[in-house]
N, C-alpha and C. Protein backbone atom coordinates (compact mmCIF):
# COMPACT_ATOMS: atom_id res chain seq x y z
N UNK A 1 36.50 33.80 -1.96
CA UNK A 1 37.88 33.49 -1.69
C UNK A 1 38.79 34.21 -2.67
N UNK A 2 39.93 34.60 -2.18
CA UNK A 2 40.89 35.32 -3.01
C UNK A 2 41.80 34.34 -3.75
N UNK A 3 42.22 34.77 -4.93
CA UNK A 3 43.16 33.98 -5.74
C UNK A 3 44.37 34.82 -6.06
N UNK A 4 45.53 34.20 -5.97
CA UNK A 4 46.78 34.87 -6.34
C UNK A 4 47.54 33.99 -7.31
N UNK A 5 48.21 34.62 -8.27
CA UNK A 5 49.03 33.87 -9.22
C UNK A 5 50.47 34.35 -9.14
N UNK A 6 51.36 33.38 -9.13
CA UNK A 6 52.79 33.66 -9.12
C UNK A 6 53.45 32.82 -10.20
N UNK A 7 54.53 33.31 -10.75
CA UNK A 7 55.32 32.52 -11.70
C UNK A 7 56.61 32.14 -10.99
N UNK A 8 56.95 30.86 -11.07
CA UNK A 8 58.15 30.37 -10.38
C UNK A 8 59.10 29.70 -11.35
N UNK A 9 60.35 29.59 -10.92
CA UNK A 9 61.40 28.93 -11.72
C UNK A 9 61.49 27.46 -11.34
N UNK A 10 62.09 26.68 -12.21
CA UNK A 10 62.50 25.30 -11.96
C UNK A 10 61.37 24.27 -11.93
N UNK A 11 60.18 24.61 -12.41
CA UNK A 11 59.09 23.62 -12.46
C UNK A 11 59.27 22.82 -13.75
N UNK A 12 59.57 21.55 -13.61
CA UNK A 12 59.91 20.73 -14.77
C UNK A 12 58.97 19.55 -15.00
N UNK A 13 58.24 19.12 -13.94
CA UNK A 13 57.45 17.90 -14.09
C UNK A 13 56.33 17.86 -13.05
N UNK A 14 55.55 16.81 -13.12
CA UNK A 14 54.46 16.61 -12.18
C UNK A 14 54.95 16.46 -10.75
N UNK A 15 56.15 15.91 -10.59
CA UNK A 15 56.72 15.78 -9.25
C UNK A 15 56.99 17.14 -8.62
N UNK A 16 57.46 18.07 -9.44
CA UNK A 16 57.68 19.44 -8.96
C UNK A 16 56.34 20.05 -8.53
N UNK A 17 55.32 19.85 -9.34
CA UNK A 17 53.99 20.38 -9.02
C UNK A 17 53.48 19.81 -7.70
N UNK A 18 53.69 18.53 -7.48
CA UNK A 18 53.27 17.90 -6.23
C UNK A 18 54.03 18.48 -5.05
N UNK A 19 55.34 18.68 -5.20
CA UNK A 19 56.14 19.29 -4.13
C UNK A 19 55.61 20.67 -3.77
N UNK A 20 55.27 21.46 -4.78
CA UNK A 20 54.76 22.81 -4.55
C UNK A 20 53.40 22.74 -3.86
N UNK A 21 52.49 21.91 -4.38
CA UNK A 21 51.16 21.78 -3.77
C UNK A 21 51.26 21.36 -2.31
N UNK A 22 52.05 20.32 -2.06
CA UNK A 22 52.19 19.81 -0.69
C UNK A 22 52.84 20.85 0.23
N UNK A 23 53.84 21.54 -0.28
CA UNK A 23 54.54 22.54 0.53
C UNK A 23 53.68 23.73 0.90
N UNK A 24 52.88 24.20 -0.05
CA UNK A 24 52.05 25.38 0.20
C UNK A 24 50.78 25.06 0.96
N UNK A 25 50.31 23.82 0.87
CA UNK A 25 49.06 23.43 1.53
C UNK A 25 49.13 23.61 3.05
N UNK A 26 50.34 23.56 3.60
CA UNK A 26 50.50 23.68 5.05
C UNK A 26 50.46 25.12 5.55
N UNK A 27 50.49 26.09 4.64
CA UNK A 27 50.50 27.49 5.05
C UNK A 27 49.10 27.95 5.47
N UNK A 28 49.03 28.85 6.46
CA UNK A 28 47.73 29.33 6.93
C UNK A 28 46.93 30.01 5.83
N UNK A 29 45.65 29.67 5.75
CA UNK A 29 44.73 30.30 4.81
C UNK A 29 44.68 29.67 3.43
N UNK A 30 45.64 28.82 3.09
CA UNK A 30 45.68 28.20 1.77
C UNK A 30 44.64 27.09 1.69
N UNK A 31 43.74 27.19 0.70
CA UNK A 31 42.69 26.19 0.51
C UNK A 31 43.01 25.28 -0.67
N UNK A 32 43.56 25.87 -1.74
CA UNK A 32 43.85 25.09 -2.95
C UNK A 32 45.07 25.67 -3.65
N UNK A 33 45.85 24.78 -4.26
CA UNK A 33 47.03 25.19 -5.03
C UNK A 33 46.99 24.46 -6.36
N UNK A 34 47.10 25.22 -7.45
CA UNK A 34 47.18 24.63 -8.79
C UNK A 34 48.50 25.05 -9.40
N UNK A 35 49.14 24.11 -10.08
CA UNK A 35 50.44 24.38 -10.71
C UNK A 35 50.37 24.03 -12.19
N UNK A 36 50.71 24.98 -13.05
CA UNK A 36 50.80 24.75 -14.48
C UNK A 36 52.28 24.51 -14.79
N UNK A 37 52.63 23.26 -15.03
CA UNK A 37 54.03 22.89 -15.24
C UNK A 37 54.63 23.62 -16.44
N UNK A 38 53.92 23.69 -17.54
CA UNK A 38 54.45 24.28 -18.77
C UNK A 38 54.83 25.76 -18.60
N UNK A 39 54.02 26.50 -17.85
CA UNK A 39 54.27 27.94 -17.70
C UNK A 39 54.95 28.31 -16.39
N UNK A 40 54.96 27.38 -15.43
CA UNK A 40 55.52 27.69 -14.12
C UNK A 40 54.62 28.55 -13.27
N UNK A 41 53.33 28.64 -13.66
CA UNK A 41 52.39 29.45 -12.89
C UNK A 41 51.80 28.66 -11.74
N UNK A 42 51.76 29.31 -10.59
CA UNK A 42 51.16 28.72 -9.39
C UNK A 42 49.98 29.60 -9.01
N UNK A 43 48.80 29.00 -8.89
CA UNK A 43 47.60 29.71 -8.48
C UNK A 43 47.22 29.24 -7.09
N UNK A 44 47.13 30.18 -6.17
CA UNK A 44 46.81 29.88 -4.78
C UNK A 44 45.44 30.46 -4.46
N UNK A 45 44.57 29.65 -3.91
CA UNK A 45 43.24 30.08 -3.51
C UNK A 45 43.15 29.97 -2.00
N UNK A 46 42.59 31.00 -1.36
CA UNK A 46 42.42 30.95 0.08
C UNK A 46 42.02 32.30 0.64
N UNK A 47 42.02 32.38 1.96
CA UNK A 47 41.67 33.62 2.66
C UNK A 47 42.82 34.01 3.58
N UNK A 48 43.23 35.25 3.50
CA UNK A 48 44.28 35.75 4.38
C UNK A 48 45.64 35.13 4.12
N UNK A 49 45.89 34.74 2.88
CA UNK A 49 47.17 34.12 2.53
C UNK A 49 48.25 35.20 2.49
N UNK A 50 49.34 34.96 3.18
CA UNK A 50 50.47 35.89 3.23
C UNK A 50 51.42 35.55 2.08
N UNK A 51 51.43 36.39 1.05
CA UNK A 51 52.25 36.11 -0.14
C UNK A 51 53.75 36.16 0.15
N UNK A 52 54.15 36.90 1.16
CA UNK A 52 55.56 36.90 1.56
C UNK A 52 55.94 35.52 2.07
N UNK A 53 55.05 34.93 2.86
CA UNK A 53 55.27 33.58 3.38
C UNK A 53 55.28 32.57 2.24
N UNK A 54 54.36 32.74 1.30
CA UNK A 54 54.29 31.85 0.14
C UNK A 54 55.59 31.91 -0.66
N UNK A 55 56.07 33.12 -0.93
CA UNK A 55 57.32 33.29 -1.69
C UNK A 55 58.50 32.66 -0.97
N UNK A 56 58.56 32.83 0.34
CA UNK A 56 59.66 32.25 1.13
C UNK A 56 59.60 30.73 1.09
N UNK A 57 58.40 30.17 1.19
CA UNK A 57 58.23 28.72 1.16
C UNK A 57 58.63 28.17 -0.21
N UNK A 58 58.19 28.84 -1.27
CA UNK A 58 58.55 28.40 -2.62
C UNK A 58 60.07 28.42 -2.82
N UNK A 59 60.72 29.47 -2.35
CA UNK A 59 62.19 29.57 -2.47
C UNK A 59 62.86 28.44 -1.69
N UNK A 60 62.34 28.15 -0.49
CA UNK A 60 62.91 27.08 0.33
C UNK A 60 62.75 25.72 -0.33
N UNK A 61 61.68 25.56 -1.10
CA UNK A 61 61.43 24.31 -1.82
C UNK A 61 62.27 24.20 -3.11
N UNK A 62 62.91 25.32 -3.51
CA UNK A 62 63.72 25.31 -4.72
C UNK A 62 63.02 25.87 -5.94
N UNK A 63 61.90 26.59 -5.71
CA UNK A 63 61.13 27.18 -6.81
C UNK A 63 60.95 28.67 -6.54
N UNK A 64 62.01 29.47 -6.75
CA UNK A 64 61.91 30.90 -6.46
C UNK A 64 60.92 31.61 -7.39
N UNK A 65 60.27 32.62 -6.83
CA UNK A 65 59.30 33.40 -7.59
C UNK A 65 60.04 34.29 -8.59
N UNK A 66 59.52 34.36 -9.80
CA UNK A 66 60.07 35.22 -10.84
C UNK A 66 59.50 36.62 -10.63
N UNK A 67 60.38 37.60 -10.50
CA UNK A 67 59.93 38.98 -10.36
C UNK A 67 60.33 39.75 -11.60
N UNK A 68 59.45 40.60 -12.05
CA UNK A 68 59.72 41.38 -13.26
C UNK A 68 60.11 42.78 -12.91
């Protein structure tokens, strides 16, 4: 299975992490989502996960992806 890591803004607590996990779990191919509250890192595990869709979902939830 493939793993992708993204850094997002506005992650402040466990509730934010739950919102992210629940929101991304519904996307096709997503098997597992881990959120590190302190760093704002989101790790997505799955097959055929569309990162454009993931980024759009995160933004819609209020956690936009940090781009460098």
